[in-house]
């Protein structure tokens, strides 16, 4: 009897653990701000995005070849992986370009709006149900994140003149939401690892094709990029941790919970980024960091326990 009764407990516990995988992904993305301080101004935005996915795809393909069974994909699924690759390539390209054209506070739009777009798509496309607890948790996490950001940046700059940059950040948020929501069916048919791998692989040639366009239109010189140790470490972090590991963890959470639930973990990104900045760069996390972080954490807790209470 004890062995039989412990199985459901372990099953629920494992579900909670895997549901927290997107939190680990958000933590890895939070470190991207610190990594960018190590000399990324020397790398053109689209070239940086290409290097990121190239390293990430290579790592993911090695793992898939070693662990996943051989597959024969239907035409429908191949088109699905291709669509995800286009979406994530568009998200990275517009995020990197938008960040280069905006202030840090305007860049925070990606953090706040991505979960909103994801929830809207999750409800309309996947038919996900928004329980009262989930809504309260998401609203609470949003408020906490805004409090953290307001302590770090001047949010009045959101109404600045960088219209093109802000527009790109909005596209980045919307396309990442597309990548999240439309990946759910493929994750259910295959796995988080395979879906993240094949979509990332598709994004490589797309972003690679944009590199010569960037060079031709901006006058940037790829030969001028010096492969310093700091730059190599930064690219490896972006590719191995910020892409390969984080994209897999993000999708892994969706093997167990809805896209709407996973989206709330995105709010943890600026909090982790502030902690990294304080620990590595000696920066101040902002006057409202503790209060906002506590409110955000409460919201994420409500969201992460929604499934068990439903």
C-alpha atoms as a PDB file:
ATOM      1  CA  UNK A   1       0.000   0.000   0.000  1.00  0.00           C
ATOM      2  CA  UNK A   2       2.705   2.626   0.794  1.00  0.00           C
ATOM      3  CA  UNK A   3       4.325   2.072  -2.623  1.00  0.00           C
ATOM      4  CA  UNK A   4       1.006   2.472  -4.425  1.00  0.00           C
ATOM      5  CA  UNK A   5       0.074   5.614  -2.535  1.00  0.00           C
ATOM      6  CA  UNK A   6       3.463   7.243  -3.081  1.00  0.00           C
ATOM      7  CA  UNK A   7       3.237   7.045  -6.872  1.00  0.00           C
ATOM      8  CA  UNK A   8       0.637   9.800  -7.309  1.00  0.00           C
ATOM      9  CA  UNK A   9       2.621  12.003  -4.912  1.00  0.00           C
ATOM     10  CA  UNK A  10       5.804  11.537  -6.962  1.00  0.00           C
ATOM     11  CA  UNK A  11       3.855  12.114 -10.170  1.00  0.00           C
ATOM     12  CA  UNK A  12       2.534  15.429  -8.882  1.00  0.00           C
ATOM     13  CA  UNK A  13       5.965  16.408  -7.561  1.00  0.00           C
ATOM     14  CA  UNK A  14       7.630  15.687 -10.905  1.00  0.00           C
ATOM     15  CA  UNK A  15       4.979  17.773 -12.628  1.00  0.00           C
ATOM     16  CA  UNK A  16       5.765  20.714 -10.357  1.00  0.00           C
ATOM     17  CA  UNK A  17       9.495  20.317 -10.985  1.00  0.00           C
ATOM     18  CA  UNK A  18       9.129  20.264 -14.764  1.00  0.00           C
ATOM     19  CA  UNK A  19       6.668  23.157 -14.601  1.00  0.00           C
ATOM     20  CA  UNK A  20       9.486  25.177 -13.041  1.00  0.00           C
ATOM     21  CA  UNK A  21      11.741  24.516 -16.051  1.00  0.00           C
ATOM     22  CA  UNK A  22      10.627  27.802 -17.689  1.00  0.00           C
ATOM     23  CA  UNK A  23      11.768  29.611 -14.533  1.00  0.00           C
ATOM     24  CA  UNK A  24      15.257  28.255 -15.151  1.00  0.00           C
ATOM     25  CA  UNK A  25      14.989  29.443 -18.759  1.00  0.00           C
ATOM     26  CA  UNK A  26      14.026  32.936 -17.603  1.00  0.00           C
ATOM     27  CA  UNK A  27      16.986  32.896 -15.225  1.00  0.00           C
ATOM     28  CA  UNK A  28      19.348  32.091 -18.097  1.00  0.00           C
ATOM     29  CA  UNK A  29      17.829  34.891 -20.183  1.00  0.00           C
ATOM     30  CA  UNK A  30      18.224  37.253 -17.246  1.00  0.00           C
ATOM     31  CA  UNK A  31      21.969  36.781 -17.520  1.00  0.00           C
ATOM     32  CA  UNK A  32      21.990  38.043 -21.113  1.00  0.00           C
ATOM     33  CA  UNK A  33      22.106  41.654 -19.918  1.00  0.00           C
ATOM     34  CA  UNK A  34      25.330  41.020 -18.016  1.00  0.00           C
ATOM     35  CA  UNK A  35      26.823  39.084 -20.928  1.00  0.00           C
ATOM     36  CA  UNK A  36      26.119  41.989 -23.277  1.00  0.00           C
ATOM     37  CA  UNK A  37      28.349  44.157 -21.099  1.00  0.00           C
ATOM     38  CA  UNK A  38      31.339  42.034 -22.151  1.00  0.00           C
ATOM     39  CA  UNK A  39      31.793  43.706 -25.502  1.00  0.00           C
ATOM     40  CA  UNK A  40      28.723  42.949 -27.601  1.00  0.00           C
ATOM     41  CA  UNK A  41      28.734  46.471 -28.957  1.00  0.00           C
ATOM     42  CA  UNK A  42      31.489  45.254 -31.290  1.00  0.00           C
ATOM     43  CA  UNK A  43      29.167  42.707 -32.944  1.00  0.00           C
ATOM     44  CA  UNK A  44      26.356  43.831 -35.298  1.00  0.00           C
ATOM     45  CA  UNK A  45      22.918  42.789 -33.969  1.00  0.00           C
ATOM     46  CA  UNK A  46      21.888  40.348 -36.707  1.00  0.00           C
ATOM     47  CA  UNK A  47      25.359  38.816 -36.830  1.00  0.00           C
ATOM     48  CA  UNK A  48      25.138  38.270 -33.087  1.00  0.00           C
ATOM     49  CA  UNK A  49      21.723  36.653 -33.462  1.00  0.00           C
ATOM     50  CA  UNK A  50      23.103  34.330 -36.154  1.00  0.00           C
ATOM     51  CA  UNK A  51      26.058  33.294 -33.990  1.00  0.00           C
ATOM     52  CA  UNK A  52      23.707  32.648 -31.114  1.00  0.00           C
ATOM     53  CA  UNK A  53      21.386  30.269 -32.966  1.00  0.00           C
ATOM     54  CA  UNK A  54      24.246  28.585 -34.855  1.00  0.00           C
ATOM     55  CA  UNK A  55      25.959  27.605 -31.606  1.00  0.00           C
ATOM     56  CA  UNK A  56      22.643  26.687 -29.993  1.00  0.00           C
ATOM     57  CA  UNK A  57      21.466  24.553 -32.908  1.00  0.00           C
ATOM     58  CA  UNK A  58      24.774  22.691 -33.087  1.00  0.00           C
ATOM     59  CA  UNK A  59      24.562  21.803 -29.397  1.00  0.00           C
ATOM     60  CA  UNK A  60      20.933  20.733 -29.604  1.00  0.00           C
ATOM     61  CA  UNK A  61      21.498  18.573 -32.684  1.00  0.00           C
ATOM     62  CA  UNK A  62      24.293  16.689 -30.921  1.00  0.00           C
ATOM     63  CA  UNK A  63      21.996  15.929 -27.981  1.00  0.00           C
ATOM     64  CA  UNK A  64      19.077  14.901 -30.218  1.00  0.00           C
ATOM     65  CA  UNK A  65      21.247  12.574 -32.294  1.00  0.00           C
ATOM     66  CA  UNK A  66      22.449  10.895 -29.105  1.00  0.00           C
ATOM     67  CA  UNK A  67      19.138  10.595 -27.273  1.00  0.00           C
ATOM     68  CA  UNK A  68      16.108  10.855 -29.565  1.00  0.00           C
ATOM     69  CA  UNK A  69      14.789   8.054 -31.780  1.00  0.00           C
ATOM     70  CA  UNK A  70      14.998   8.354 -35.551  1.00  0.00           C
ATOM     71  CA  UNK A  71      11.861   9.978 -36.938  1.00  0.00           C
ATOM     72  CA  UNK A  72       9.965  10.163 -40.191  1.00  0.00           C
ATOM     73  CA  UNK A  73       8.152  13.485 -40.177  1.00  0.00           C
ATOM     74  CA  UNK A  74       4.949  14.165 -42.033  1.00  0.00           C
ATOM     75  CA  UNK A  75       4.738  17.124 -44.399  1.00  0.00           C
ATOM     76  CA  UNK A  76       2.495  18.853 -41.880  1.00  0.00           C
ATOM     77  CA  UNK A  77       5.045  18.512 -39.085  1.00  0.00           C
ATOM     78  CA  UNK A  78       7.931  19.630 -41.290  1.00  0.00           C
ATOM     79  CA  UNK A  79       5.961  22.749 -42.131  1.00  0.00           C
ATOM     80  CA  UNK A  80       5.277  23.184 -38.434  1.00  0.00           C
ATOM     81  CA  UNK A  81       8.976  23.102 -37.543  1.00  0.00           C
ATOM     82  CA  UNK A  82       9.691  25.492 -40.408  1.00  0.00           C
ATOM     83  CA  UNK A  83       7.024  27.931 -39.190  1.00  0.00           C
ATOM     84  CA  UNK A  84       8.467  27.847 -35.676  1.00  0.00           C
ATOM     85  CA  UNK A  85      11.931  28.519 -37.093  1.00  0.00           C
ATOM     86  CA  UNK A  86      10.673  31.532 -39.014  1.00  0.00           C
ATOM     87  CA  UNK A  87       8.868  32.838 -35.922  1.00  0.00           C
ATOM     88  CA  UNK A  88      11.857  32.501 -33.602  1.00  0.00           C
ATOM     89  CA  UNK A  89      14.233  33.968 -36.195  1.00  0.00           C
ATOM     90  CA  UNK A  90      11.917  36.958 -36.550  1.00  0.00           C
ATOM     91  CA  UNK A  91      11.735  37.280 -32.780  1.00  0.00           C
ATOM     92  CA  UNK A  92      15.507  37.281 -32.310  1.00  0.00           C
ATOM     93  CA  UNK A  93      16.173  39.622 -35.224  1.00  0.00           C
ATOM     94  CA  UNK A  94      13.610  42.216 -34.151  1.00  0.00           C
ATOM     95  CA  UNK A  95      14.610  41.934 -30.494  1.00  0.00           C
ATOM     96  CA  UNK A  96      18.295  42.537 -31.214  1.00  0.00           C
ATOM     97  CA  UNK A  97      17.599  45.364 -33.659  1.00  0.00           C
ATOM     98  CA  UNK A  98      14.941  46.877 -31.417  1.00  0.00           C
ATOM     99  CA  UNK A  99      17.244  46.799 -28.410  1.00  0.00           C
ATOM    100  CA  UNK A 100      19.950  48.571 -30.416  1.00  0.00           C
ATOM    101  CA  UNK A 101      17.495  51.350 -31.324  1.00  0.00           C
ATOM    102  CA  UNK A 102      15.863  51.869 -27.919  1.00  0.00           C
ATOM    103  CA  UNK A 103      16.636  52.611 -24.304  1.00  0.00           C
ATOM    104  CA  UNK A 104      16.754  49.977 -21.571  1.00  0.00           C
ATOM    105  CA  UNK A 105      13.321  50.993 -20.298  1.00  0.00           C
ATOM    106  CA  UNK A 106      11.814  50.692 -23.760  1.00  0.00           C
ATOM    107  CA  UNK A 107      13.493  47.301 -24.107  1.00  0.00           C
ATOM    108  CA  UNK A 108      11.560  46.165 -21.044  1.00  0.00           C
ATOM    109  CA  UNK A 109       8.475  46.086 -23.273  1.00  0.00           C
ATOM    110  CA  UNK A 110       9.575  42.609 -24.385  1.00  0.00           C
ATOM    111  CA  UNK A 111       9.427  41.349 -20.811  1.00  0.00           C
ATOM    112  CA  UNK A 112       6.033  42.800 -19.991  1.00  0.00           C
ATOM    113  CA  UNK A 113       4.196  42.222 -23.269  1.00  0.00           C
ATOM    114  CA  UNK A 114       5.416  38.737 -24.246  1.00  0.00           C
ATOM    115  CA  UNK A 115       3.285  36.974 -21.590  1.00  0.00           C
ATOM    116  CA  UNK A 116       0.283  39.074 -22.585  1.00  0.00           C
ATOM    117  CA  UNK A 117       0.572  38.060 -26.245  1.00  0.00           C
ATOM    118  CA  UNK A 118       1.147  34.431 -25.218  1.00  0.00           C
ATOM    119  CA  UNK A 119      -1.973  34.327 -23.080  1.00  0.00           C
ATOM    120  CA  UNK A 120      -4.106  35.859 -25.822  1.00  0.00           C
ATOM    121  CA  UNK A 121      -2.852  33.287 -28.345  1.00  0.00           C
ATOM    122  CA  UNK A 122      -3.117  30.426 -25.867  1.00  0.00           C
ATOM    123  CA  UNK A 123      -6.776  31.193 -25.251  1.00  0.00           C
ATOM    124  CA  UNK A 124      -7.709  31.897 -28.878  1.00  0.00           C
ATOM    125  CA  UNK A 125      -5.597  29.245 -30.643  1.00  0.00           C
ATOM    126  CA  UNK A 126      -5.256  26.410 -28.142  1.00  0.00           C
ATOM    127  CA  UNK A 127      -8.532  26.978 -26.296  1.00  0.00           C
ATOM    128  CA  UNK A 128      -6.768  27.232 -22.929  1.00  0.00           C
ATOM    129  CA  UNK A 129      -8.942  28.155 -19.949  1.00  0.00           C
ATOM    130  CA  UNK A 130      -8.023  31.071 -17.712  1.00  0.00           C
ATOM    131  CA  UNK A 131      -8.967  30.240 -14.140  1.00  0.00           C
ATOM    132  CA  UNK A 132      -9.409  32.963 -11.565  1.00  0.00           C
ATOM    133  CA  UNK A 133      -6.218  31.893  -9.786  1.00  0.00           C
ATOM    134  CA  UNK A 134      -4.243  32.048 -13.028  1.00  0.00           C
ATOM    135  CA  UNK A 135      -5.523  35.526 -13.877  1.00  0.00           C
ATOM    136  CA  UNK A 136      -4.745  36.839 -10.392  1.00  0.00           C
ATOM    137  CA  UNK A 137      -1.279  35.296 -10.527  1.00  0.00           C
ATOM    138  CA  UNK A 138      -0.465  36.802 -13.922  1.00  0.00           C
ATOM    139  CA  UNK A 139      -1.736  40.246 -12.922  1.00  0.00           C
ATOM    140  CA  UNK A 140       0.264  40.078  -9.691  1.00  0.00           C
ATOM    141  CA  UNK A 141       3.426  39.010 -11.527  1.00  0.00           C
ATOM    142  CA  UNK A 142       2.920  41.842 -14.038  1.00  0.00           C
ATOM    143  CA  UNK A 143       2.574  44.423 -11.264  1.00  0.00           C
ATOM    144  CA  UNK A 144       5.674  43.111  -9.503  1.00  0.00           C
ATOM    145  CA  UNK A 145       7.715  43.209 -12.710  1.00  0.00           C
ATOM    146  CA  UNK A 146       6.631  46.780 -13.474  1.00  0.00           C
ATOM    147  CA  UNK A 147       7.626  47.799  -9.934  1.00  0.00           C
ATOM    148  CA  UNK A 148      11.084  46.258 -10.431  1.00  0.00           C
ATOM    149  CA  UNK A 149      11.523  47.951 -13.805  1.00  0.00           C
ATOM    150  CA  UNK A 150      10.359  51.318 -12.468  1.00  0.00           C
ATOM    151  CA  UNK A 151      13.083  51.117  -9.824  1.00  0.00           C
ATOM    152  CA  UNK A 152      15.739  50.435 -12.470  1.00  0.00           C
ATOM    153  CA  UNK A 153      14.673  52.655 -15.354  1.00  0.00           C
ATOM    154  CA  UNK A 154      12.836  55.836 -16.116  1.00  0.00           C
ATOM    155  CA  UNK A 155       9.600  54.447 -17.534  1.00  0.00           C
ATOM    156  CA  UNK A 156       8.711  57.883 -18.872  1.00  0.00           C
ATOM    157  CA  UNK A 157      11.130  57.034 -21.685  1.00  0.00           C
ATOM    158  CA  UNK A 158       8.601  54.513 -22.975  1.00  0.00           C
ATOM    159  CA  UNK A 159       6.981  57.380 -24.837  1.00  0.00           C
ATOM    160  CA  UNK A 160      10.247  58.401 -26.452  1.00  0.00           C
ATOM    161  CA  UNK A 161      10.844  58.970 -30.137  1.00  0.00           C
ATOM    162  CA  UNK A 162      12.348  55.563 -30.989  1.00  0.00           C
ATOM    163  CA  UNK A 163       9.217  54.509 -32.853  1.00  0.00           C
ATOM    164  CA  UNK A 164      10.915  51.998 -35.138  1.00  0.00           C
ATOM    165  CA  UNK A 165      12.757  50.369 -32.261  1.00  0.00           C
ATOM    166  CA  UNK A 166       9.630  50.099 -30.128  1.00  0.00           C
ATOM    167  CA  UNK A 167       7.748  48.644 -33.080  1.00  0.00           C
ATOM    168  CA  UNK A 168      10.443  45.994 -33.479  1.00  0.00           C
ATOM    169  CA  UNK A 169      10.225  45.120 -29.792  1.00  0.00           C
ATOM    170  CA  UNK A 170       6.477  44.667 -30.146  1.00  0.00           C
ATOM    171  CA  UNK A 171       7.070  42.321 -33.081  1.00  0.00           C
ATOM    172  CA  UNK A 172       9.676  40.462 -31.019  1.00  0.00           C
ATOM    173  CA  UNK A 173       7.150  39.946 -28.204  1.00  0.00           C
ATOM    174  CA  UNK A 174       4.392  38.806 -30.551  1.00  0.00           C
ATOM    175  CA  UNK A 175       6.591  36.396 -32.522  1.00  0.00           C
ATOM    176  CA  UNK A 176       8.002  34.810 -29.350  1.00  0.00           C
ATOM    177  CA  UNK A 177       4.402  34.276 -28.249  1.00  0.00           C
ATOM    178  CA  UNK A 178       3.771  32.572 -31.603  1.00  0.00           C
ATOM    179  CA  UNK A 179       6.844  30.399 -31.075  1.00  0.00           C
ATOM    180  CA  UNK A 180       5.566  29.434 -27.625  1.00  0.00           C
ATOM    181  CA  UNK A 181       1.939  28.710 -28.470  1.00  0.00           C
ATOM    182  CA  UNK A 182       2.317  27.043 -31.867  1.00  0.00           C
ATOM    183  CA  UNK A 183       5.080  24.833 -30.524  1.00  0.00           C
ATOM    184  CA  UNK A 184       2.634  23.111 -28.149  1.00  0.00           C
ATOM    185  CA  UNK A 185       1.165  20.599 -30.690  1.00  0.00           C
ATOM    186  CA  UNK A 186       4.620  19.522 -31.882  1.00  0.00           C
ATOM    187  CA  UNK A 187       5.835  19.179 -28.306  1.00  0.00           C
ATOM    188  CA  UNK A 188       2.919  16.855 -27.601  1.00  0.00           C
ATOM    189  CA  UNK A 189       3.592  14.736 -30.719  1.00  0.00           C
ATOM    190  CA  UNK A 190       7.359  14.559 -30.268  1.00  0.00           C
ATOM    191  CA  UNK A 191       9.185  16.210 -27.345  1.00  0.00           C
ATOM    192  CA  UNK A 192      10.399  19.536 -26.048  1.00  0.00           C
ATOM    193  CA  UNK A 193      13.966  18.677 -27.028  1.00  0.00           C
ATOM    194  CA  UNK A 194      13.156  17.765 -30.623  1.00  0.00           C
ATOM    195  CA  UNK A 195      10.836  20.724 -31.154  1.00  0.00           C
ATOM    196  CA  UNK A 196      13.392  23.190 -29.789  1.00  0.00           C
ATOM    197  CA  UNK A 197      16.165  21.575 -31.853  1.00  0.00           C
ATOM    198  CA  UNK A 198      14.506  21.493 -35.259  1.00  0.00           C
ATOM    199  CA  UNK A 199      12.997  24.960 -34.953  1.00  0.00           C
ATOM    200  CA  UNK A 200      16.382  26.344 -33.907  1.00  0.00           C
ATOM    201  CA  UNK A 201      18.064  24.601 -36.851  1.00  0.00           C
ATOM    202  CA  UNK A 202      15.589  26.212 -39.266  1.00  0.00           C
ATOM    203  CA  UNK A 203      16.354  29.650 -37.803  1.00  0.00           C
ATOM    204  CA  UNK A 204      20.090  29.345 -38.568  1.00  0.00           C
ATOM    205  CA  UNK A 205      19.987  29.825 -42.386  1.00  0.00           C
ATOM    206  CA  UNK A 206      17.278  32.480 -42.048  1.00  0.00           C
ATOM    207  CA  UNK A 207      19.405  34.635 -39.767  1.00  0.00           C
ATOM    208  CA  UNK A 208      22.509  33.732 -41.742  1.00  0.00           C
ATOM    209  CA  UNK A 209      20.937  35.183 -44.873  1.00  0.00           C
ATOM    210  CA  UNK A 210      20.360  38.452 -43.022  1.00  0.00           C
ATOM    211  CA  UNK A 211      24.021  38.899 -42.087  1.00  0.00           C
ATOM    212  CA  UNK A 212      25.240  40.058 -45.550  1.00  0.00           C
ATOM    213  CA  UNK A 213      22.206  42.328 -45.766  1.00  0.00           C
ATOM    214  CA  UNK A 214      23.190  43.891 -42.452  1.00  0.00           C
ATOM    215  CA  UNK A 215      26.779  44.327 -43.596  1.00  0.00           C
ATOM    216  CA  UNK A 216      25.720  45.917 -46.888  1.00  0.00           C
ATOM    217  CA  UNK A 217      23.225  48.324 -45.354  1.00  0.00           C
ATOM    218  CA  UNK A 218      25.153  49.381 -42.239  1.00  0.00           C
ATOM    219  CA  UNK A 219      28.728  49.318 -43.477  1.00  0.00           C
ATOM    220  CA  UNK A 220      29.709  47.015 -40.625  1.00  0.00           C
ATOM    221  CA  UNK A 221      32.875  45.018 -41.077  1.00  0.00           C
ATOM    222  CA  UNK A 222      32.929  41.406 -39.927  1.00  0.00           C
ATOM    223  CA  UNK A 223      36.733  41.458 -40.125  1.00  0.00           C
ATOM    224  CA  UNK A 224      36.752  44.156 -37.465  1.00  0.00           C
ATOM    225  CA  UNK A 225      35.257  41.757 -34.915  1.00  0.00           C
ATOM    226  CA  UNK A 226      38.056  40.562 -32.647  1.00  0.00           C
ATOM    227  CA  UNK A 227      37.470  37.096 -31.126  1.00  0.00           C
ATOM    228  CA  UNK A 228      38.608  38.126 -27.661  1.00  0.00           C
ATOM    229  CA  UNK A 229      38.197  35.650 -24.783  1.00  0.00           C
ATOM    230  CA  UNK A 230      35.349  37.773 -23.409  1.00  0.00           C
ATOM    231  CA  UNK A 231      33.539  37.721 -26.744  1.00  0.00           C
ATOM    232  CA  UNK A 232      33.995  33.957 -27.138  1.00  0.00           C
ATOM    233  CA  UNK A 233      32.617  33.352 -23.640  1.00  0.00           C
ATOM    234  CA  UNK A 234      29.689  35.655 -24.353  1.00  0.00           C
ATOM    235  CA  UNK A 235      28.803  33.895 -27.620  1.00  0.00           C
ATOM    236  CA  UNK A 236      29.039  30.509 -25.914  1.00  0.00           C
ATOM    237  CA  UNK A 237      26.745  31.726 -23.147  1.00  0.00           C
ATOM    238  CA  UNK A 238      24.249  33.042 -25.660  1.00  0.00           C
ATOM    239  CA  UNK A 239      24.335  29.877 -27.747  1.00  0.00           C
ATOM    240  CA  UNK A 240      24.675  27.098 -25.180  1.00  0.00           C
ATOM    241  CA  UNK A 241      22.791  28.558 -22.225  1.00  0.00           C
ATOM    242  CA  UNK A 242      20.660  31.406 -23.576  1.00  0.00           C
ATOM    243  CA  UNK A 243      19.498  29.371 -26.582  1.00  0.00           C
ATOM    244  CA  UNK A 244      20.059  25.599 -26.406  1.00  0.00           C
ATOM    245  CA  UNK A 245      19.379  25.127 -22.697  1.00  0.00           C
ATOM    246  CA  UNK A 246      16.844  27.927 -22.272  1.00  0.00           C
ATOM    247  CA  UNK A 247      14.715  27.087 -25.326  1.00  0.00           C
ATOM    248  CA  UNK A 248      14.615  23.439 -24.302  1.00  0.00           C
ATOM    249  CA  UNK A 249      13.639  24.317 -20.718  1.00  0.00           C
ATOM    250  CA  UNK A 250      10.981  26.733 -21.963  1.00  0.00           C
ATOM    251  CA  UNK A 251       9.381  24.046 -24.123  1.00  0.00           C
ATOM    252  CA  UNK A 252       9.911  21.381 -21.435  1.00  0.00           C
ATOM    253  CA  UNK A 253       7.520  23.210 -19.153  1.00  0.00           C
ATOM    254  CA  UNK A 254       4.854  23.024 -21.848  1.00  0.00           C
ATOM    255  CA  UNK A 255       4.947  19.241 -21.756  1.00  0.00           C
ATOM    256  CA  UNK A 256       3.166  19.574 -18.414  1.00  0.00           C
ATOM    257  CA  UNK A 257       1.335  22.907 -18.298  1.00  0.00           C
ATOM    258  CA  UNK A 258      -0.450  25.281 -20.676  1.00  0.00           C
ATOM    259  CA  UNK A 259       1.315  28.012 -22.619  1.00  0.00           C
ATOM    260  CA  UNK A 260      -0.585  30.591 -20.552  1.00  0.00           C
ATOM    261  CA  UNK A 261       0.954  29.199 -17.371  1.00  0.00           C
ATOM    262  CA  UNK A 262       4.462  29.013 -18.844  1.00  0.00           C
ATOM    263  CA  UNK A 263       4.267  32.621 -20.041  1.00  0.00           C
ATOM    264  CA  UNK A 264       4.176  33.977 -16.475  1.00  0.00           C
ATOM    265  CA  UNK A 265       7.705  32.738 -15.817  1.00  0.00           C
ATOM    266  CA  UNK A 266       8.946  35.263 -18.380  1.00  0.00           C
ATOM    267  CA  UNK A 267       8.404  37.937 -15.733  1.00  0.00           C
ATOM    268  CA  UNK A 268      11.353  36.576 -13.726  1.00  0.00           C
ATOM    269  CA  UNK A 269      13.834  37.658 -16.407  1.00  0.00           C
ATOM    270  CA  UNK A 270      14.434  41.282 -15.286  1.00  0.00           C
ATOM    271  CA  UNK A 271      14.651  40.233 -11.639  1.00  0.00           C
ATOM    272  CA  UNK A 272      17.380  37.701 -12.398  1.00  0.00           C
ATOM    273  CA  UNK A 273      19.072  40.229 -14.670  1.00  0.00           C
ATOM    274  CA  UNK A 274      19.178  42.766 -11.839  1.00  0.00           C
ATOM    275  CA  UNK A 275      20.683  40.167  -9.488  1.00  0.00           C
ATOM    276  CA  UNK A 276      23.343  39.252 -12.060  1.00  0.00           C
ATOM    277  CA  UNK A 277      24.112  42.923 -12.614  1.00  0.00           C
ATOM    278  CA  UNK A 278      24.512  43.526  -8.902  1.00  0.00           C
ATOM    279  CA  UNK A 279      26.666  40.418  -8.333  1.00  0.00           C
ATOM    280  CA  UNK A 280      28.900  40.629 -11.417  1.00  0.00           C
ATOM    281  CA  UNK A 281      28.943  44.292 -12.405  1.00  0.00           C
ATOM    282  CA  UNK A 282      28.360  45.924  -9.031  1.00  0.00           C
ATOM    283  CA  UNK A 283      25.231  47.696 -10.295  1.00  0.00           C
ATOM    284  CA  UNK A 284      22.362  48.793  -8.092  1.00  0.00           C
ATOM    285  CA  UNK A 285      19.279  46.583  -8.605  1.00  0.00           C
ATOM    286  CA  UNK A 286      16.982  49.585  -8.101  1.00  0.00           C
ATOM    287  CA  UNK A 287      15.130  51.099  -5.193  1.00  0.00           C
ATOM    288  CA  UNK A 288      12.000  48.974  -5.658  1.00  0.00           C
ATOM    289  CA  UNK A 289      13.732  45.666  -6.380  1.00  0.00           C
ATOM    290  CA  UNK A 290      12.867  43.849  -3.146  1.00  0.00           C
ATOM    291  CA  UNK A 291       9.225  44.935  -3.132  1.00  0.00           C
ATOM    292  CA  UNK A 292       8.687  44.243  -6.832  1.00  0.00           C
ATOM    293  CA  UNK A 293      10.568  40.959  -6.686  1.00  0.00           C
ATOM    294  CA  UNK A 294       8.426  39.747  -3.785  1.00  0.00           C
ATOM    295  CA  UNK A 295       5.197  40.672  -5.570  1.00  0.00           C
ATOM    296  CA  UNK A 296       6.403  39.038  -8.796  1.00  0.00           C
ATOM    297  CA  UNK A 297       7.389  35.875  -6.926  1.00  0.00           C
ATOM    298  CA  UNK A 298       3.940  35.712  -5.315  1.00  0.00           C
ATOM    299  CA  UNK A 299       2.321  35.978  -8.736  1.00  0.00           C
ATOM    300  CA  UNK A 300       4.516  33.242 -10.216  1.00  0.00           C
ATOM    301  CA  UNK A 301       3.726  31.010  -7.226  1.00  0.00           C
ATOM    302  CA  UNK A 302       0.002  31.424  -7.853  1.00  0.00           C
ATOM    303  CA  UNK A 303       0.483  30.606 -11.529  1.00  0.00           C
ATOM    304  CA  UNK A 304       2.774  27.616 -10.927  1.00  0.00           C
ATOM    305  CA  UNK A 305       0.283  26.033  -8.505  1.00  0.00           C
ATOM    306  CA  UNK A 306      -2.749  26.664 -10.715  1.00  0.00           C
ATOM    307  CA  UNK A 307      -2.733  23.194 -12.263  1.00  0.00           C
ATOM    308  CA  UNK A 308      -2.741  21.425  -8.921  1.00  0.00           C
ATOM    309  CA  UNK A 309      -5.616  23.518  -7.619  1.00  0.00           C
ATOM    310  CA  UNK A 310      -7.747  23.154 -10.763  1.00  0.00           C
END
